[in-house]
Amino acid sequence: MWKSTKTVALEQHMDAITVAVAAPGRQPPEFCGDVPSTPEAVRKLVGRLDDGKMDLRFCYEAGPCGYGLYRQLTMMGYDCSVVAPSLSPRRPGVAHQDRSA
């Protein structure tokens, strides 16, 4: 039977991972807080999010801290996408430099 997909966005830092979940549909993503950046904490997070009703799909922005996270999630059997920072959508008109020329 076909299942809906719940998308889990992760922001990896040295000591913590920030988590947000987007359920199917048009509702905005829900901020779920921070978890420690340890394999055990990631296992607990996945166990809490995976209720069996929906497939889980993870994504995070490429960076030096996320490769271990990617390996762990894919070894657990989950789909994990790495998003290039340059491809992340940005609001128009937001300056990328703090000072003008």
Protein backbone atom coordinates (compact mmCIF):
# COMPACT_ATOMS: atom_id res chain seq x y z
CA MET A 1 0.00 0.00 0.00
CA TRP A 2 1.19 3.52 -0.82
CA LYS A 3 2.15 5.74 2.13
CA SER A 4 2.46 9.49 2.42
CA THR A 5 5.90 10.94 3.05
CA LYS A 6 6.92 13.06 6.02
CA THR A 7 9.98 15.23 5.29
CA VAL A 8 12.44 15.84 8.12
CA ALA A 9 14.82 18.79 7.72
CA LEU A 10 18.01 18.68 9.77
CA GLU A 11 20.51 21.45 10.48
CA GLN A 12 23.72 19.81 11.71
CA HIS A 13 26.08 21.63 14.09
CA MET A 14 29.04 20.37 16.11
CA ASP A 15 27.06 19.76 19.29
CA ALA A 16 23.39 19.75 18.24
CA ILE A 17 21.02 19.00 15.39
CA THR A 18 18.03 21.29 14.80
CA VAL A 19 14.96 19.40 13.57
CA ALA A 20 11.85 20.50 11.64
CA VAL A 21 9.17 18.22 10.17
CA ALA A 22 6.93 18.90 7.17
CA ALA A 23 3.87 16.68 6.98
CA PRO A 24 2.18 16.07 3.63
CA GLY A 25 -0.05 18.88 2.42
CA ARG A 26 0.27 22.62 2.55
CA GLN A 27 0.74 23.16 6.26
CA PRO A 28 4.00 24.86 7.30
CA PRO A 29 6.87 22.78 8.74
CA GLU A 30 6.81 22.23 12.48
CA PHE A 31 9.93 23.06 14.52
CA CYS A 32 10.73 20.06 16.71
CA GLY A 33 13.68 21.44 18.67
CA ASP A 34 17.30 20.42 19.02
CA VAL A 35 18.79 17.01 19.76
CA PRO A 36 22.39 16.23 20.71
CA SER A 37 24.68 15.46 17.81
CA THR A 38 25.28 11.83 18.80
CA PRO A 39 24.36 8.56 17.05
CA GLU A 40 22.21 7.48 20.02
CA ALA A 41 20.23 10.74 19.98
CA VAL A 42 19.66 10.35 16.22
CA ARG A 43 18.37 6.78 16.75
CA LYS A 44 15.94 8.04 19.41
CA LEU A 45 14.79 10.88 17.15
CA VAL A 46 14.13 8.52 14.26
CA GLY A 47 12.27 6.14 16.57
CA ARG A 48 10.10 8.99 17.81
CA LEU A 49 9.32 10.25 14.30
CA ASP A 50 8.77 6.89 12.59
CA ASP A 51 5.25 5.87 13.61
CA GLY A 52 4.87 3.48 10.65
CA LYS A 53 2.00 5.48 9.15
CA MET A 54 4.18 7.57 6.81
CA ASP A 55 7.52 7.13 5.09
CA LEU A 56 10.29 9.36 6.41
CA ARG A 57 12.55 11.34 4.12
CA PHE A 58 15.46 13.28 5.60
CA CYS A 59 17.38 16.23 4.16
CA TYR A 60 20.15 18.47 5.41
CA GLU A 61 22.34 21.22 4.01
CA ALA A 62 25.79 20.06 2.96
CA GLY A 63 28.52 20.95 5.41
CA PRO A 64 31.47 19.48 7.30
CA CYS A 65 29.39 18.10 10.19
CA GLY A 66 26.69 16.19 8.28
CA TYR A 67 28.42 13.31 6.54
CA GLY A 68 28.28 11.01 9.57
CA LEU A 69 24.59 11.83 9.92
CA TYR A 70 23.99 10.97 6.26
CA ARG A 71 25.79 7.63 6.63
CA GLN A 72 23.86 6.76 9.79
CA LEU A 73 20.45 7.53 8.28
CA THR A 74 21.14 5.64 5.04
CA MET A 75 22.49 2.65 6.98
CA MET A 76 19.22 2.65 8.96
CA GLY A 77 17.37 2.35 5.63
CA TYR A 78 16.05 5.90 5.27
CA ASP A 79 16.20 8.19 2.25
CA CYS A 80 18.49 11.13 3.00
CA SER A 81 19.13 14.00 0.59
CA VAL A 82 22.03 16.40 0.84
CA VAL A 83 21.07 19.90 -0.29
CA ALA A 84 23.74 22.18 -1.75
CA PRO A 85 23.82 25.51 0.14
CA SER A 86 23.92 27.42 -3.13
CA LEU A 87 20.63 25.80 -4.19
CA SER A 88 18.74 26.73 -1.01
CA PRO A 89 15.96 29.19 -1.82
CA ARG A 90 16.49 32.73 -0.56
CA ARG A 91 14.04 35.61 -0.38
CA PRO A 92 14.63 38.26 -3.04
CA GLY A 93 16.13 41.49 -1.84
CA VAL A 94 18.13 39.95 1.01
CA ALA A 95 21.69 41.26 0.84
CA HIS A 96 24.51 38.75 1.12
CA GLN A 97 27.09 41.31 2.26
CA ASP A 98 27.00 43.42 5.39
CA ARG A 99 28.48 46.49 3.73
CA SER A 100 28.03 48.18 0.40
CA ALA A 101 30.83 48.95 -2.04
